[in-house]
Protein backbone atom coordinates (compact mmCIF):
# COMPACT_ATOMS: atom_id res chain seq x y z
CA MET A 1 118.77 172.23 72.18
CA THR A 2 116.11 173.69 74.48
CA ILE A 3 115.65 172.49 78.04
CA ALA A 4 112.51 170.62 76.97
CA GLU A 5 114.55 168.61 74.45
CA ARG A 6 117.29 167.45 76.80
CA PRO A 7 116.94 163.76 77.68
CA VAL A 8 116.28 163.26 81.38
CA HIS A 9 116.19 159.88 83.08
CA GLY A 10 115.18 158.61 86.49
CA PRO A 11 111.96 158.50 88.51
CA VAL A 12 109.34 161.22 88.17
CA PRO A 13 108.64 162.86 91.55
CA PRO A 14 105.14 164.18 92.34
CA VAL A 15 104.31 167.86 92.30
CA PRO A 16 105.06 168.58 95.97
CA GLY A 17 102.34 170.00 98.18
CA SER A 18 100.26 171.41 95.34
CA GLY A 19 97.39 169.01 94.86
CA LEU A 20 98.29 169.05 91.18
CA PRO A 21 98.50 165.95 88.99
CA VAL A 22 101.61 165.05 87.04
CA LEU A 23 99.45 163.53 84.31
CA ILE A 24 96.34 164.98 82.68
CA GLN A 25 94.33 162.65 80.48
CA GLY A 26 93.27 164.68 77.45
CA GLY A 27 89.64 165.66 76.88
CA MET A 28 88.94 164.26 73.43
CA GLY A 29 86.32 164.43 70.72
CA VAL A 30 82.66 163.99 71.54
CA GLY A 31 82.50 161.28 74.18
CA VAL A 32 85.89 159.68 73.42
CA SER A 33 87.04 160.75 76.86
CA GLY A 34 83.81 159.72 78.53
CA TRP A 35 83.12 159.03 82.18
CA ARG A 36 84.43 155.45 82.08
CA LEU A 37 87.86 156.59 80.87
CA ALA A 38 88.04 159.59 83.20
CA ARG A 39 87.02 157.42 86.16
CA ALA A 40 89.72 154.85 85.35
CA VAL A 41 92.38 157.58 85.28
CA ALA A 42 91.08 159.35 88.38
CA ARG A 43 91.34 156.05 90.28
CA THR A 44 95.12 156.18 89.77
CA GLY A 45 95.28 159.63 91.39
CA GLN A 46 95.96 161.44 88.11
CA LEU A 47 93.52 163.85 86.43
CA GLY A 48 90.76 162.10 84.49
CA VAL A 49 89.01 164.41 82.03
CA VAL A 50 85.64 164.07 80.33
CA SER A 51 84.88 165.84 77.09
CA GLY A 52 82.19 168.46 77.66
CA VAL A 53 81.36 168.86 73.96
CA ALA A 54 77.80 167.97 72.90
CA LEU A 55 76.93 166.15 76.11
CA ASP A 56 73.30 167.15 75.54
CA VAL A 57 73.31 165.07 72.35
CA THR A 58 75.12 162.07 73.83
CA LEU A 59 72.89 161.93 76.92
CA ALA A 60 69.72 162.10 74.83
CA ARG A 61 70.89 159.44 72.38
CA ARG A 62 72.16 157.04 75.04
CA LEU A 63 68.85 157.30 76.83
CA GLN A 64 67.14 156.49 73.54
CA GLN A 65 69.41 153.45 73.27
CA GLY A 66 67.86 152.27 76.54
CA ASP A 67 70.72 153.32 78.86
CA PRO A 68 72.30 149.84 79.15
CA GLY A 69 73.47 149.30 82.72
CA GLY A 70 71.28 152.14 83.99
CA HIS A 71 74.25 154.43 84.68
CA LEU A 72 72.72 157.59 83.24
CA ARG A 73 69.43 157.04 85.03
CA ALA A 74 71.36 156.59 88.29
CA ALA A 75 73.18 159.88 87.68
CA LEU A 76 69.93 161.68 86.87
CA ALA A 77 68.42 160.26 90.05
CA ALA A 78 71.18 162.11 91.96
CA PHE A 79 70.50 165.43 90.19
CA PRO A 80 69.39 168.05 92.74
CA VAL A 81 66.07 168.81 91.02
CA PRO A 82 64.15 165.58 90.35
CA ALA A 83 61.54 167.32 88.20
CA ILE A 84 64.22 168.20 85.62
CA SER A 85 65.42 164.60 85.48
CA GLU A 86 61.85 163.40 85.09
CA ARG A 87 61.24 165.74 82.15
CA ILE A 88 64.42 164.58 80.41
CA LEU A 89 63.59 160.91 80.92
CA ALA A 90 60.03 161.41 79.70
CA ARG A 91 61.28 163.02 76.51
CA TYR A 92 64.27 160.81 75.64
CA TYR A 93 64.36 157.52 77.53
CA VAL A 94 63.24 154.47 75.51
CA HIS A 95 62.90 151.24 77.47
CA GLY A 96 64.87 148.55 75.64
CA GLY A 97 66.20 151.10 73.14
CA ILE A 98 64.91 152.34 69.80
CA ALA A 99 64.78 149.89 66.92
CA PRO A 100 67.79 149.70 64.57
CA GLY A 101 67.62 152.34 61.85
CA VAL A 102 65.13 154.54 63.69
CA PRO A 103 66.30 158.18 63.82
CA TYR A 104 67.22 159.68 67.18
CA ARG A 105 64.94 162.35 68.55
CA PRO A 106 66.61 165.77 68.18
CA VAL A 107 67.71 168.05 71.00
CA PRO A 108 67.25 171.85 71.09
CA ARG A 109 70.00 173.58 69.15
CA LEU A 110 72.32 176.18 70.63
CA GLY A 111 71.19 179.78 70.26
CA LEU A 112 71.22 183.21 71.85
CA ARG A 113 67.61 183.23 73.01
CA PRO A 114 66.74 181.63 76.35
CA ASN A 115 65.43 178.08 76.06
CA ARG A 116 64.54 176.32 79.29
CA ALA A 117 64.48 172.80 77.84
CA ARG A 118 67.92 173.33 76.28
CA ASP A 119 69.41 174.67 79.50
CA GLU A 120 67.95 171.87 81.61
CA LEU A 121 69.31 169.22 79.26
CA ALA A 122 72.78 170.81 79.14
CA VAL A 123 73.01 171.25 82.92
CA ALA A 124 71.81 167.70 83.62
CA ALA A 125 74.02 166.11 80.92
CA ASN A 126 77.18 167.76 82.23
CA PHE A 127 76.21 166.90 85.80
CA ALA A 128 75.67 163.23 84.87
CA GLU A 129 79.00 162.87 83.05
CA VAL A 130 81.03 164.34 85.91
CA PHE A 131 78.99 162.54 88.57
CA LEU A 132 79.73 159.16 86.98
CA ALA A 133 83.43 159.97 86.48
CA ARG A 134 83.82 160.90 90.17
CA ARG A 135 82.13 157.84 91.67
CA ASP A 136 85.38 156.11 92.69
CA GLY A 137 87.20 159.22 93.85
CA GLY A 138 90.22 160.97 92.39
CA PRO A 139 90.42 164.31 90.54
CA VAL A 140 88.15 164.87 87.54
CA GLY A 141 88.14 167.67 84.97
CA ILE A 142 85.98 168.61 82.01
CA ASN A 143 87.19 169.93 78.66
CA TYR A 144 85.34 172.59 76.63
CA LEU A 145 85.99 174.44 73.37
CA GLU A 146 85.93 178.22 73.67
CA LYS A 147 84.70 178.26 70.06
CA ILE A 148 81.39 176.78 71.24
CA GLN A 149 80.56 179.85 73.31
CA MET A 150 76.78 179.42 73.33
CA ALA A 151 77.06 176.13 75.25
CA THR A 152 79.51 177.18 77.95
CA PRO A 153 77.50 178.75 80.82
CA ALA A 154 74.91 175.97 81.19
CA ALA A 155 77.47 173.22 80.60
CA ALA A 156 79.95 174.57 83.13
CA TYR A 157 77.25 175.02 85.75
CA GLY A 158 76.12 171.42 85.36
CA ALA A 159 79.68 170.15 85.77
CA MET A 160 80.15 172.30 88.87
CA LEU A 161 76.97 170.93 90.42
CA ALA A 162 78.64 167.50 90.26
CA GLY A 163 81.84 168.80 91.89
CA VAL A 164 84.19 168.97 88.91
CA ASP A 165 87.75 169.79 90.03
CA PHE A 166 89.17 171.34 86.84
CA VAL A 167 87.80 173.05 83.75
CA LEU A 168 90.07 172.93 80.70
CA MET A 169 89.37 175.11 77.67
CA GLY A 170 91.03 175.50 74.29
CA ALA A 171 90.21 176.46 70.68
CA GLY A 172 90.05 180.14 71.50
CA ILE A 173 90.87 182.69 74.18
CA PRO A 174 89.04 181.82 77.42
CA SER A 175 89.41 185.27 78.98
CA GLN A 176 85.81 185.36 80.25
CA ILE A 177 85.83 182.00 81.98
CA PRO A 178 87.48 182.90 85.34
CA GLY A 179 84.70 185.40 86.06
CA LEU A 180 82.03 182.99 84.85
CA LEU A 181 83.25 180.25 87.20
CA ASP A 182 83.37 182.72 90.11
CA ARG A 183 79.73 183.72 89.59
CA LEU A 184 78.44 180.20 89.00
CA ALA A 185 80.13 178.96 92.18
CA ALA A 186 77.93 181.44 94.05
CA HIS A 187 74.86 180.41 92.00
CA MET A 188 74.79 183.92 90.54
CA PRO A 189 73.69 184.54 86.95
CA GLY A 190 76.67 184.12 84.63
CA GLU A 191 77.14 185.01 81.00
CA VAL A 192 79.77 185.20 78.27
CA SER A 193 79.97 187.44 75.22
CA VAL A 194 79.33 185.67 71.93
CA THR A 195 81.15 186.65 68.75
CA VAL A 196 78.58 187.59 66.09
CA ALA A 197 79.89 188.13 62.56
CA GLY A 198 78.95 191.54 61.18
CA ALA A 199 78.03 193.06 64.54
CA GLU A 200 78.81 196.75 64.88
CA ALA A 201 81.53 197.98 67.20
CA GLY A 202 80.18 198.19 70.73
CA GLU A 203 77.26 195.88 69.97
CA ARG A 204 77.34 193.06 72.51
CA HIS A 205 75.63 189.68 72.27
CA THR A 206 75.64 187.34 75.24
CA VAL A 207 74.45 183.97 76.39
CA GLY A 208 74.11 182.99 80.02
CA ILE A 209 72.34 181.06 82.71
CA ASP A 210 70.52 182.04 85.88
CA PRO A 211 70.96 179.09 88.27
CA ALA A 212 68.05 180.10 90.48
CA ALA A 213 65.72 180.33 87.48
CA VAL A 214 66.73 176.86 86.30
CA LEU A 215 66.97 174.98 89.60
CA GLY A 216 64.91 177.09 91.97
CA ARG A 217 66.03 178.94 95.09
CA ALA A 218 66.06 175.91 97.36
CA ALA A 219 68.63 174.07 95.24
CA THR A 220 71.04 177.02 95.15
CA ALA A 221 71.36 177.82 98.84
CA GLU A 222 74.86 176.45 99.42
CA PRO A 223 77.81 177.72 97.32
CA LEU A 224 79.67 175.35 95.01
CA ALA A 225 83.37 174.57 94.96
CA ARG A 226 84.99 176.69 92.26
CA PRO A 227 87.03 174.48 89.89
CA ARG A 228 90.52 175.43 88.72
CA LEU A 229 90.69 176.68 85.14
CA LEU A 230 93.45 175.44 82.83
CA ALA A 231 93.70 177.39 79.57
CA ILE A 232 94.95 175.36 76.61
CA VAL A 233 97.40 177.54 74.68
CA SER A 234 100.07 177.11 72.03
CA SER A 235 102.14 180.24 72.64
CA ASP A 236 103.72 182.17 75.47
CA VAL A 237 102.15 185.34 74.00
CA LEU A 238 98.62 184.06 74.61
CA ALA A 239 99.57 182.75 78.05
CA ALA A 240 100.96 186.17 79.01
CA TYR A 241 97.84 187.90 77.68
CA LEU A 242 95.57 185.74 79.84
CA ALA A 243 97.77 186.08 82.94
CA ARG A 244 97.92 189.86 82.78
CA THR A 245 94.92 190.64 85.04
CA PRO A 246 93.04 188.84 87.82
CA GLU A 247 89.86 188.96 85.70
CA THR A 248 91.38 186.90 82.86
CA ARG A 249 94.02 184.87 84.71
CA PRO A 250 93.49 181.09 84.67
CA ASP A 251 94.86 178.76 87.34
CA GLY A 252 97.33 177.19 84.92
CA PHE A 253 98.04 176.29 81.31
CA VAL A 254 98.22 173.28 79.05
CA VAL A 255 100.77 174.14 76.35
CA GLU A 256 100.07 172.17 73.15
CA THR A 257 102.44 171.51 70.27
CA PRO A 258 101.12 171.10 66.69
CA VAL A 259 101.25 167.27 66.85
CA ALA A 260 98.53 167.10 69.54
CA GLY A 261 95.22 165.58 68.44
CA GLY A 262 91.97 167.33 67.56
CA HIS A 263 92.10 171.06 66.84
CA SER A 264 95.43 172.86 66.84
CA ALA A 265 96.36 176.50 66.50
CA PRO A 266 97.20 177.64 62.96
CA PRO A 267 100.79 178.67 62.25
CA ARG A 268 101.63 182.25 63.08
CA GLY A 269 101.74 184.52 60.06
CA ARG A 270 100.63 183.52 56.59
CA MET A 271 99.38 179.95 56.24
CA ARG A 272 101.76 177.82 54.18
CA LEU A 273 101.14 174.19 53.23
CA ASP A 274 103.72 171.50 52.55
CA ASP A 275 103.61 168.98 49.70
CA THR A 276 101.09 166.87 51.69
CA GLU A 277 98.75 169.89 52.05
CA GLN A 278 99.42 170.23 55.78
CA PRO A 279 100.25 173.50 57.57
CA VAL A 280 103.94 174.29 57.96
CA TYR A 281 105.03 175.23 61.48
CA GLY A 282 108.31 176.93 62.29
CA PRO A 283 110.31 178.43 65.15
CA ARG A 284 107.73 181.21 65.63
CA ASP A 285 105.19 178.55 66.59
CA GLU A 286 107.27 177.12 69.45
CA ALA A 287 106.19 178.36 72.86
CA ASN A 288 108.93 179.89 74.99
CA LEU A 289 108.62 177.74 78.09
CA GLY A 290 110.89 179.99 80.10
CA LYS A 291 108.48 182.88 79.59
CA ILE A 292 105.50 180.70 80.50
CA ALA A 293 107.25 179.48 83.66
CA ALA A 294 107.99 183.10 84.59
CA LEU A 295 104.24 183.81 84.76
CA GLY A 296 104.20 181.87 88.03
CA LEU A 297 101.34 179.55 87.13
CA PRO A 298 101.60 175.76 86.79
CA PHE A 299 101.65 174.37 83.26
CA TRP A 300 101.59 171.02 81.51
CA LEU A 301 103.02 170.11 78.09
CA ALA A 302 100.97 168.28 75.47
CA GLY A 303 101.64 166.79 72.05
CA GLY A 304 104.51 164.32 71.75
CA TYR A 305 105.13 163.71 75.46
CA ALA A 306 103.57 160.23 75.78
CA SER A 307 106.65 158.53 77.23
CA ARG A 308 108.47 158.34 80.54
CA ASP A 309 111.25 160.42 79.05
CA GLY A 310 108.67 162.91 77.78
CA VAL A 311 107.31 163.37 81.30
CA ALA A 312 110.83 163.88 82.65
CA ARG A 313 111.68 166.40 79.90
CA ALA A 314 108.53 168.34 80.70
CA ARG A 315 109.36 168.41 84.41
CA ALA A 316 112.90 169.54 83.66
CA ALA A 317 111.45 172.43 81.64
CA GLY A 318 109.54 173.60 84.70
CA ALA A 319 106.22 171.98 83.86
CA ALA A 320 104.06 170.29 86.49
CA GLY A 321 103.70 167.37 84.08
CA VAL A 322 102.10 166.43 80.78
CA GLN A 323 98.75 166.04 79.11
CA VAL A 324 98.34 162.89 77.01
CA GLY A 325 95.37 162.13 74.79
CA THR A 326 95.96 159.63 72.01
CA ALA A 327 97.31 156.85 74.24
CA PHE A 328 94.09 157.04 76.24
CA ALA A 329 91.89 157.38 73.14
CA LEU A 330 93.05 153.91 72.04
CA CYS A 331 92.83 152.15 75.43
CA ARG A 332 90.02 149.76 76.28
CA GLU A 333 88.08 152.30 78.43
CA SER A 334 87.96 154.79 75.56
CA GLY A 335 84.57 155.95 74.36
CA LEU A 336 85.47 155.29 70.73
CA ASP A 337 83.28 152.76 68.96
CA ASP A 338 85.15 149.54 69.69
CA LYS A 339 85.26 148.44 66.04
CA GLN A 340 86.84 151.74 65.03
CA ARG A 341 89.26 151.67 67.98
CA ARG A 342 90.49 148.21 67.00
CA ARG A 343 90.88 149.25 63.39
CA LEU A 344 92.99 152.22 64.46
CA LEU A 345 95.17 150.01 66.65
CA GLU A 346 95.69 147.43 63.91
CA ARG A 347 96.59 150.08 61.35
CA ALA A 348 98.90 151.90 63.75
CA GLY A 349 100.55 148.65 64.84
CA ALA A 350 101.37 147.89 61.22
CA GLY A 351 102.88 151.36 60.80
CA ALA A 352 100.23 152.21 58.19
CA LEU A 353 98.06 154.77 60.02
CA ARG A 354 98.38 158.31 58.72
CA VAL A 355 97.08 161.17 60.85
CA ARG A 356 96.83 164.31 58.75
CA ASN A 357 96.64 167.86 60.06
CA ASP A 358 93.87 168.98 57.73
CA PRO A 359 93.64 172.78 57.36
CA HIS A 360 90.10 172.61 55.91
CA ALA A 361 88.20 169.80 57.68
CA SER A 362 86.87 171.71 60.69
CA PRO A 363 84.08 174.29 60.36
CA ALA A 364 85.74 176.02 63.33
CA GLY A 365 88.54 177.21 61.02
CA PHE A 366 91.35 175.60 63.04
CA PRO A 367 93.56 172.84 61.58
CA PHE A 368 92.17 169.48 62.67
CA LYS A 369 93.86 166.07 62.90
CA VAL A 370 92.06 163.44 60.80
CA ALA A 371 92.98 159.76 61.13
CA GLY A 372 92.94 158.14 57.72
CA LEU A 373 90.71 155.05 57.76
CA GLU A 374 88.60 153.55 55.01
CA GLU A 375 84.84 153.92 55.32
CA THR A 376 85.15 157.11 57.36
CA LEU A 377 84.82 160.78 56.44
CA ALA A 378 88.59 160.93 56.01
CA GLU A 379 88.05 159.31 52.59
CA ALA A 380 87.14 161.70 49.79
CA GLU A 381 84.58 159.26 48.38
CA VAL A 382 82.79 158.88 51.72
CA TYR A 383 82.85 162.64 52.23
CA GLU A 384 81.38 163.26 48.78
CA ARG A 385 78.56 160.77 49.37
CA ARG A 386 77.39 162.51 52.52
CA PRO A 387 74.49 164.93 52.00
CA ARG A 388 75.60 168.34 53.28
CA LEU A 389 73.45 169.36 56.23
CA CYS A 390 73.81 170.91 59.66
CA ASP A 391 71.28 169.56 62.13
CA LEU A 392 73.29 169.49 65.38
CA GLY A 393 74.83 172.92 64.98
CA HIS A 394 77.38 173.10 67.79
CA LEU A 395 79.89 174.79 65.47
CA ARG A 396 77.43 177.19 63.85
CA THR A 397 78.52 180.83 63.78
CA PRO A 398 76.05 183.61 64.63
CA TYR A 399 75.88 186.44 62.08
CA VAL A 400 73.88 189.63 61.60
CA ARG A 401 71.24 189.23 58.90
CA PRO A 402 70.99 192.04 56.32
CA GLU A 403 67.37 192.59 57.32
CA GLY A 404 68.29 192.64 60.99
CA GLY A 405 68.39 190.04 63.72
CA VAL A 406 70.86 187.22 64.22
CA GLY A 407 71.06 184.08 62.08
CA PHE A 408 73.34 181.06 62.15
CA ARG A 409 75.56 179.50 59.50
CA CYS A 410 78.09 176.71 59.21
CA PRO A 411 80.65 176.12 56.44
CA ALA A 412 79.69 172.42 56.46
CA GLU A 413 76.02 173.09 55.66
CA PRO A 414 74.71 173.09 52.04
CA VAL A 415 76.84 175.50 50.05
CA ASP A 416 73.89 177.43 48.59
CA ALA A 417 72.44 177.99 52.05
CA TYR A 418 75.81 179.16 53.37
CA LEU A 419 76.24 181.62 50.50
CA ARG A 420 72.73 183.01 50.99
CA LYS A 421 73.72 183.77 54.58
CA GLY A 422 76.71 185.84 53.49
CA GLY A 423 79.38 183.15 53.71
CA ARG A 424 82.13 182.76 51.12
CA ALA A 425 82.39 179.76 48.81
CA GLU A 426 86.06 179.13 49.64
CA GLU A 427 85.12 178.67 53.32
CA THR A 428 83.06 175.57 52.44
CA ASP A 429 85.82 173.71 50.58
CA GLY A 430 86.56 170.36 52.23
CA ARG A 431 84.59 171.13 55.40
CA ARG A 432 83.49 168.01 57.27
CA CYS A 433 80.51 167.95 59.60
CA LEU A 434 82.48 167.45 62.80
CA CYS A 435 79.36 167.36 64.96
CA ASN A 436 77.83 164.34 63.22
CA GLY A 437 81.15 162.69 62.36
CA LEU A 438 82.48 162.76 65.93
CA VAL A 439 79.17 161.59 67.39
CA ALA A 440 79.21 158.69 64.91
CA ALA A 441 82.76 157.84 66.05
CA ILE A 442 81.38 156.82 69.45
CA GLY A 443 78.58 154.71 67.99
CA LEU A 444 75.80 157.31 68.17
CA GLY A 445 75.55 158.28 64.50
CA GLN A 446 72.19 159.45 63.23
CA HIS A 447 70.05 157.30 60.93
CA ARG A 448 68.34 159.50 58.36
CA PRO A 449 64.75 158.90 57.19
CA ASP A 450 66.09 158.42 53.64
CA GLY A 451 68.27 155.53 54.86
CA TYR A 452 71.58 157.38 55.04
CA GLU A 453 73.65 156.51 58.13
CA GLU A 454 76.19 159.03 59.42
CA GLN A 455 79.78 157.86 59.00
CA PRO A 456 82.47 158.48 61.61
CA LEU A 457 85.27 161.03 61.60
CA LEU A 458 88.23 159.97 63.75
CA THR A 459 90.91 162.17 65.26
CA LEU A 460 94.19 161.30 66.98
CA GLY A 461 97.51 162.94 67.67
CA GLN A 462 100.38 162.46 65.24
CA ASP A 463 102.78 160.87 67.73
CA LEU A 464 102.03 157.12 67.92
CA ASP A 465 105.41 155.85 69.14
CA PHE A 466 103.98 154.97 72.56
CA LEU A 467 102.09 151.96 71.15
CA ALA A 468 105.25 149.87 70.88
CA ARG A 469 105.72 150.18 74.65
CA LEU A 470 102.21 149.23 75.79
CA PRO A 471 100.77 145.72 76.16
CA GLU A 472 98.12 144.37 73.82
CA GLY A 473 94.62 145.23 75.00
CA TYR A 474 96.01 147.86 77.36
CA GLY A 475 93.92 149.97 79.70
CA ALA A 476 94.11 153.43 81.20
CA ALA A 477 96.07 152.23 84.23
CA ASP A 478 98.70 150.76 81.90
CA VAL A 479 99.14 154.17 80.26
CA VAL A 480 99.58 155.83 83.65
CA ALA A 481 102.10 153.19 84.71
CA HIS A 482 104.00 153.50 81.43
CA LEU A 483 104.26 157.28 81.74
CA LEU A 484 104.99 157.60 85.44
CA GLY A 485 107.54 154.83 85.79
CA ASP A 486 105.65 151.76 86.99
CA ALA A 487 106.31 149.92 83.73
CA ASP A 488 109.27 148.21 82.16
CA PRO A 489 110.53 149.11 78.63
CA ARG A 490 108.60 146.24 77.06
CA GLY A 491 105.29 147.63 78.22
CA THR A 492 104.37 145.04 80.85
CA ARG A 493 103.54 146.47 84.24
CA VAL A 494 105.85 145.79 87.14
CA GLY A 495 104.41 143.00 89.26
CA HIS A 496 102.43 141.40 86.40
């Protein structure tokens, strides 16, 4: 038995004198961990986290829905350059909302070439999400995927303009991010290298942002607070690699196990599948927490720690605390479409919800947790009915065209198109369009001119035992109380 497996009981003390939270609310999906959820967690003093994926799309579509409550317009009114907010509102805001069935207006797709409209939208969207999450105080972070490299500089700068406290990044090796955050905090131009398939050795492709060019000199006079970077890792080897030099060293780690929701690292070595067609993980895939602790940086454990005992086990292993996602994804402040959230809760409560670690679903190439619900893209029939297309493109991969120049391809696009671009047929098998499916999961699915309506794709972690200990209709504060000790074993909060 490892130290992380030993049962530990008693109250959970805070992390003394560090300013670090014991609990990190996971950054989930596209908009599942939105500003409402992050704000509710931050109010408790723990770290609320917004998802930073595709915020350009969600801002544009919510404005086209009429921005009920006026929250996004209020955030844009606080943006430091009013002219940018005015351009965004003129392009996307629809008073009263678009009519049912009318397609959403598209946003500029990610690319390597500079695009002012794209950068302005990304900066403003990330600013708005963090601004709204921070309105009631408390620490707020934002979660990005390293795989979506072309979005990172503009997105991170927008979040920093709003005073984000932490940046969390997984699905890759975020070795360039410490330097990027340093430069953006000083309003200096920042860039990251972008992986381009077929590029020759030594050939470097980059994407970046020049804050002064986007906002103007007057808006970049005072430096920004530099957020702490937490790298999401699954192994002590990767943690040690990142910690080896000041240029790549993050400010801490989130160490995920394979049962955590969303994307997970593939097993080390050759991929093997069990009789349910899920990846098989073994001892080589377990992070050595002693080696991670020896790096001298704070870390949190994620995936299967959504209990009071789980928090205590993590602390006993040397962790600052835990990251929990699924319990928050199903609470009432979650950004999930409420109908889908209730369906997930009902199915899970009956013990009939299966969350499968699908090795093929994600175009990113990482195993991806898919919650099995009827009438979603988890069903083979629903998947087969969907026309293959790639019109959002956040998971597109740049590649070198045979005739020169850089093109973009995605394994979830039409197979013929993918093959013409040099992709392999086996890479398209079972690929779901995560971009459209995850946006549909929060009620922002596209309506096609031919009448097709995008169906949702839902993701959760595989540990659902916490539900038996939470009250019906629970909220984010109930999850915090349950995990940190202010709850009794039946799931009702002390004092209620």
